Amino acid sequence: MDWVSDGSRVLPVLQLDAKATRARLIAEHLGHPAEPRVVCFTSGNAGEQLRQLELQPVCVGPAEMLSTCHWWTPAEVRAAWPGHFDATSGHLPMHLMVQLGQELRHQLGELPPAAAVLTGSGETILALSWACPGTELVAVVNADEHTLHHAQMPLASAVAAACEVWDMATSWVTFVGYPLDTAAGLK
């Protein structure tokens, strides 16, 4: 288990398989059409999970054939790819976010009173916060290329309103290692 600290407290980092779960929910929502029309702005994970389910998304991102220099809004994606389902993280319809939160909550089992979630678009932590109202969730941003924080992200203000945000780009937020017997006392 990974742990993260802001200098005043140490929290466990929840281990999630959110991208695989969300890809499956998208596939079920679309009903596995013969020629799915899906577009996904991705750092890599979301697009790869959609490909594994043979949805053949049009992917835009740093490791893709198409790339961009800014975060596109849902309206911009819809205008550029009319008739496509927008599978970009942070653009999921509300009902799919609710389902995502419920499924992730079930996968996680018992939760500690407070935990950290590596956060990119904010979709996963918001979905979890709705499904786990008794757990304080802290968003950890800028931990790697999949959790880069952009002010233009559609859910950035919602995440900031719902959760404390720890930015790994600041010197006081760090991953820490504890032996399991020591970590158990830090809950």
Protein backbone atom coordinates (compact mmCIF):
# COMPACT_ATOMS: atom_id res chain seq x y z
CA MET A 1 0.00 0.00 0.00
CA ASP A 2 1.19 3.50 -0.78
CA TRP A 3 0.95 6.36 1.69
CA VAL A 4 1.06 10.11 1.11
CA SER A 5 1.72 12.97 3.51
CA ASP A 6 1.18 16.72 3.46
CA GLY A 7 3.53 17.18 6.42
CA SER A 8 0.78 17.19 9.04
CA ARG A 9 -0.87 13.83 8.42
CA VAL A 10 -0.32 10.59 6.54
CA LEU A 11 -3.07 8.93 4.48
CA PRO A 12 -3.31 5.62 2.64
CA VAL A 13 -3.65 5.90 -1.14
CA LEU A 14 -6.65 3.90 -2.35
CA GLN A 15 -5.68 1.30 -4.95
CA LEU A 16 -8.25 1.53 -7.74
CA ASP A 17 -8.84 -0.03 -11.14
CA ALA A 18 -11.11 2.84 -12.15
CA LYS A 19 -10.24 3.03 -15.86
CA ALA A 20 -11.10 -0.63 -16.52
CA THR A 21 -14.37 -0.27 -14.60
CA ARG A 22 -15.33 2.94 -16.40
CA ALA A 23 -14.49 1.41 -19.81
CA ARG A 24 -16.78 -1.54 -19.05
CA LEU A 25 -19.57 0.82 -17.94
CA ILE A 26 -19.19 2.81 -21.18
CA ALA A 27 -19.29 -0.38 -23.27
CA GLU A 28 -22.43 -1.52 -21.44
CA HIS A 29 -24.00 1.93 -21.90
CA LEU A 30 -23.29 1.87 -25.64
CA GLY A 31 -24.54 -1.71 -25.96
CA HIS A 32 -21.51 -2.90 -27.95
CA PRO A 33 -22.60 -1.47 -31.32
CA ALA A 34 -21.04 -2.94 -34.47
CA GLU A 35 -19.29 0.34 -35.21
CA PRO A 36 -18.98 2.27 -31.98
CA ARG A 37 -18.42 5.98 -32.33
CA VAL A 38 -16.31 6.93 -29.34
CA VAL A 39 -13.82 9.76 -28.84
CA CYS A 40 -11.49 9.98 -25.85
CA PHE A 41 -8.96 12.61 -24.85
CA THR A 42 -6.55 10.55 -22.78
CA SER A 43 -3.18 10.43 -21.08
CA GLY A 44 -3.17 6.78 -22.13
CA ASN A 45 -5.05 4.74 -19.53
CA ALA A 46 -8.65 5.51 -20.50
CA GLY A 47 -8.04 5.03 -24.22
CA GLU A 48 -6.17 1.77 -23.70
CA GLN A 49 -8.97 0.32 -21.57
CA LEU A 50 -11.53 1.24 -24.25
CA ARG A 51 -9.36 -0.44 -26.92
CA GLN A 52 -9.18 -3.60 -24.82
CA LEU A 53 -12.97 -3.78 -24.99
CA GLU A 54 -12.74 -3.36 -28.79
CA LEU A 55 -14.57 -0.02 -28.82
CA GLN A 56 -11.97 1.41 -31.25
CA PRO A 57 -12.06 4.95 -29.88
CA VAL A 58 -10.66 7.98 -31.64
CA CYS A 59 -8.01 8.84 -29.04
CA VAL A 60 -6.34 12.21 -28.58
CA GLY A 61 -3.35 12.51 -26.27
CA PRO A 62 0.42 12.63 -25.83
CA ALA A 63 0.94 8.99 -26.85
CA GLU A 64 -1.73 8.99 -29.59
CA MET A 65 -1.74 9.77 -33.33
CA LEU A 66 -3.71 12.94 -32.53
CA SER A 67 -2.63 15.36 -29.83
CA THR A 68 -3.68 18.73 -28.52
CA CYS A 69 -2.17 21.65 -26.63
CA HIS A 70 -5.13 22.36 -24.32
CA TRP A 71 -7.93 20.65 -22.39
CA TRP A 72 -11.02 20.51 -24.60
CA THR A 73 -14.43 21.19 -23.09
CA PRO A 74 -17.29 18.75 -23.65
CA ALA A 75 -18.84 21.29 -26.07
CA GLU A 76 -15.63 21.47 -28.13
CA VAL A 77 -15.41 17.66 -28.31
CA ARG A 78 -19.07 17.42 -29.34
CA ALA A 79 -18.58 20.06 -32.06
CA ALA A 80 -15.50 18.31 -33.47
CA TRP A 81 -16.93 14.77 -33.27
CA PRO A 82 -20.73 15.01 -33.59
CA GLY A 83 -22.43 11.68 -33.10
CA HIS A 84 -19.56 10.27 -31.03
CA PHE A 85 -19.81 9.31 -27.37
CA ASP A 86 -17.33 11.47 -25.42
CA ALA A 87 -15.39 9.03 -23.22
CA THR A 88 -12.91 11.67 -22.05
CA SER A 89 -12.22 11.43 -18.31
CA GLY A 90 -14.18 14.17 -16.61
CA HIS A 91 -16.85 14.22 -19.34
CA LEU A 92 -18.90 11.15 -18.34
CA PRO A 93 -22.66 11.65 -17.96
CA MET A 94 -23.83 11.87 -14.35
CA HIS A 95 -25.58 8.48 -14.31
CA LEU A 96 -22.36 6.73 -15.38
CA MET A 97 -20.37 8.59 -12.72
CA VAL A 98 -22.85 7.43 -10.08
CA GLN A 99 -22.52 3.83 -11.32
CA LEU A 100 -18.72 4.18 -11.35
CA GLY A 101 -18.70 5.34 -7.73
CA GLN A 102 -20.97 2.50 -6.61
CA GLU A 103 -18.88 -0.14 -8.36
CA LEU A 104 -15.59 1.22 -7.06
CA ARG A 105 -17.04 1.41 -3.54
CA HIS A 106 -18.02 -2.26 -3.80
CA GLN A 107 -14.54 -3.22 -5.10
CA LEU A 108 -12.77 -1.39 -2.26
CA GLY A 109 -14.61 -3.00 0.64
CA GLU A 110 -14.13 -1.42 4.07
CA LEU A 111 -12.57 2.04 3.94
CA PRO A 112 -10.57 3.98 6.50
CA PRO A 113 -12.01 7.26 7.86
CA ALA A 114 -9.73 9.22 5.49
CA ALA A 115 -7.85 8.21 2.34
CA ALA A 116 -6.06 9.73 -0.63
CA VAL A 117 -7.04 9.20 -4.27
CA LEU A 118 -4.63 9.88 -7.14
CA THR A 119 -6.65 12.36 -9.18
CA GLY A 120 -6.48 13.47 -12.79
CA SER A 121 -9.76 14.77 -14.24
CA GLY A 122 -11.52 14.44 -10.88
CA GLU A 123 -14.15 12.03 -12.18
CA THR A 124 -13.08 9.08 -9.99
CA ILE A 125 -12.77 10.99 -6.72
CA LEU A 126 -16.11 12.75 -7.23
CA ALA A 127 -17.81 9.45 -8.06
CA LEU A 128 -16.28 7.88 -4.94
CA SER A 129 -17.18 10.84 -2.75
CA TRP A 130 -20.86 10.35 -3.66
CA ALA A 131 -20.66 6.61 -2.97
CA CYS A 132 -18.60 6.96 0.25
CA PRO A 133 -20.01 9.95 2.14
CA GLY A 134 -18.58 8.71 5.44
CA THR A 135 -14.97 8.73 4.20
CA GLU A 136 -12.89 11.88 3.86
CA LEU A 137 -11.26 11.65 0.44
CA VAL A 138 -8.23 13.78 -0.41
CA ALA A 139 -7.38 14.39 -4.08
CA VAL A 140 -3.68 14.00 -4.87
CA VAL A 141 -2.79 15.79 -8.12
CA ASN A 142 0.41 16.09 -10.18
CA ALA A 143 1.78 12.74 -8.97
CA ASP A 144 2.53 11.51 -12.52
CA GLU A 145 1.53 12.07 -16.17
CA HIS A 146 -1.93 10.64 -15.49
CA THR A 147 -2.71 13.03 -12.63
CA LEU A 148 -1.60 16.35 -14.12
CA HIS A 149 -3.84 19.15 -12.95
CA HIS A 150 -5.17 21.75 -15.42
CA ALA A 151 -7.30 24.70 -14.39
CA GLN A 152 -9.47 24.17 -17.52
CA MET A 153 -10.57 20.69 -16.42
CA PRO A 154 -14.38 20.69 -16.25
CA LEU A 155 -14.48 19.09 -12.79
CA ALA A 156 -11.60 21.01 -11.15
CA SER A 157 -13.83 23.39 -9.18
CA ALA A 158 -16.18 20.56 -8.15
CA VAL A 159 -13.24 18.54 -6.81
CA ALA A 160 -11.92 21.56 -4.91
CA ALA A 161 -15.38 22.12 -3.40
CA ALA A 162 -15.87 18.46 -2.41
CA CYS A 163 -12.38 17.44 -1.31
CA GLU A 164 -9.13 18.73 0.03
CA VAL A 165 -6.55 18.80 -2.78
CA TRP A 166 -2.89 17.92 -2.19
CA ASP A 167 -0.55 18.95 -5.01
CA MET A 168 2.52 16.71 -5.44
CA ALA A 169 4.20 19.57 -7.34
CA THR A 170 4.61 21.35 -4.01
CA SER A 171 7.56 20.37 -1.86
CA TRP A 172 5.51 19.49 1.22
CA VAL A 173 3.37 16.71 -0.30
CA THR A 174 5.27 13.44 -0.66
CA PHE A 175 4.79 9.70 -0.89
CA VAL A 176 6.03 8.01 2.25
CA GLY A 177 6.81 4.39 3.05
CA TYR A 178 5.82 2.63 6.24
CA PRO A 179 6.05 -1.01 7.22
CA LEU A 180 2.52 -2.44 7.41
CA ASP A 181 2.62 -2.85 11.20
CA THR A 182 3.57 0.82 11.65
CA ALA A 183 1.07 2.08 9.05
CA ALA A 184 -1.84 0.37 10.77
CA GLY A 185 -1.55 2.81 13.66
CA LEU A 186 -1.79 5.86 11.38
CA LYS A 187 -5.45 5.53 10.38
